[in-house]
Amino acid sequence: MEEGFGESIKDKRKVGIYLSHRYSGKTLTEIAEWYGEIKESGISQIVRRLSLQRARDRDLNKRIVDIERRLREWEEGVGLSNV
């Protein structure tokens, strides 16, 4: 993850969980199993809270938008956008 999501690994993990939920197509259970030490309800709470925080925090939103852009570029580069 990028610098700027806070000093905490937890903050970076939350952004990863948020993006996993938005873009992976996996269930809450699958995401929880992949990240470990968290339940489905925890995934749901992180996604909800980060969505609210993103709406209030322009800097956070800008960083997430940048990651989303790079994910789309990567997806197009490896040909996943046609799947």
Protein backbone atom coordinates (compact mmCIF):
# COMPACT_ATOMS: atom_id res chain seq x y z
CA MET A 1 0.00 0.00 0.00
CA GLU A 2 0.94 3.59 -0.39
CA GLU A 3 2.42 5.72 2.31
CA GLY A 4 -0.09 8.13 3.71
CA PHE A 5 -2.76 5.73 4.92
CA GLY A 6 -1.45 6.34 8.37
CA GLU A 7 1.52 4.87 10.11
CA SER A 8 -0.48 1.88 11.16
CA ILE A 9 -0.44 -1.47 9.39
CA LYS A 10 -4.06 -1.67 10.59
CA ASP A 11 -4.99 1.34 8.45
CA LYS A 12 -3.38 -0.22 5.39
CA ARG A 13 -5.10 -3.53 6.14
CA LYS A 14 -8.47 -1.76 6.35
CA VAL A 15 -7.95 -0.19 2.93
CA GLY A 16 -6.99 -3.61 1.57
CA ILE A 17 -10.12 -5.17 3.05
CA TYR A 18 -12.25 -2.35 1.66
CA LEU A 19 -10.82 -2.75 -1.84
CA SER A 20 -11.05 -6.54 -1.63
CA HIS A 21 -14.73 -6.25 -0.83
CA ARG A 22 -15.38 -3.77 -3.63
CA TYR A 23 -13.44 -5.47 -6.38
CA SER A 24 -12.79 -9.16 -5.68
CA GLY A 25 -16.30 -10.51 -6.00
CA LYS A 26 -15.58 -12.64 -2.93
CA THR A 27 -18.02 -13.09 -0.08
CA LEU A 28 -17.47 -11.57 3.35
CA THR A 29 -16.61 -15.06 4.60
CA GLU A 30 -13.99 -15.57 1.90
CA ILE A 31 -12.42 -12.18 2.57
CA ALA A 32 -12.41 -12.83 6.32
CA GLU A 33 -10.72 -16.20 5.80
CA TRP A 34 -8.11 -14.68 3.52
CA TYR A 35 -7.21 -11.88 5.94
CA GLY A 36 -7.51 -14.07 9.05
CA GLU A 37 -8.26 -13.04 12.62
CA ILE A 38 -11.47 -11.28 11.57
CA LYS A 39 -15.08 -12.36 11.14
CA GLU A 40 -17.57 -11.49 8.42
CA SER A 41 -19.16 -8.83 10.61
CA GLY A 42 -15.75 -7.21 11.05
CA ILE A 43 -15.29 -7.03 7.29
CA SER A 44 -18.72 -5.45 6.97
CA GLN A 45 -17.94 -2.87 9.67
CA ILE A 46 -14.61 -1.94 8.10
CA VAL A 47 -16.23 -1.45 4.69
CA ARG A 48 -19.06 0.64 6.14
CA ARG A 49 -16.77 2.81 8.27
CA LEU A 50 -14.18 3.32 5.56
CA SER A 51 -16.93 4.29 3.10
CA LEU A 52 -18.12 6.95 5.53
CA GLN A 53 -14.56 8.10 6.25
CA ARG A 54 -13.82 8.27 2.54
CA ALA A 55 -16.82 10.55 2.01
CA ARG A 56 -15.51 12.95 4.70
CA ASP A 57 -11.76 12.77 4.05
CA ARG A 58 -10.75 14.15 0.66
CA ASP A 59 -7.14 13.05 1.06
CA LEU A 60 -8.12 9.46 1.84
CA ASN A 61 -10.56 9.44 -1.06
CA LYS A 62 -7.88 10.76 -3.43
CA ARG A 63 -5.49 7.98 -2.40
CA ILE A 64 -8.13 5.29 -2.82
CA VAL A 65 -9.15 6.69 -6.22
CA ASP A 66 -5.48 6.48 -7.27
CA ILE A 67 -5.26 2.84 -6.19
CA GLU A 68 -8.53 2.07 -8.00
CA ARG A 69 -7.16 3.69 -11.16
CA ARG A 70 -3.99 1.62 -10.96
CA LEU A 71 -6.02 -1.55 -10.40
CA ARG A 72 -8.06 -0.80 -13.54
CA GLU A 73 -4.86 -0.15 -15.52
CA TRP A 74 -3.36 -3.41 -14.28
CA GLU A 75 -6.57 -5.28 -15.08
CA GLU A 76 -6.56 -3.91 -18.62
CA GLY A 77 -2.86 -4.67 -19.01
CA VAL A 78 -3.27 -8.34 -18.13
CA GLY A 79 -6.48 -8.69 -20.12
CA LEU A 80 -8.87 -9.26 -17.20
CA SER A 81 -11.30 -6.57 -18.30
CA ASN A 82 -12.61 -8.87 -21.04
CA VAL A 83 -13.32 -11.78 -18.69
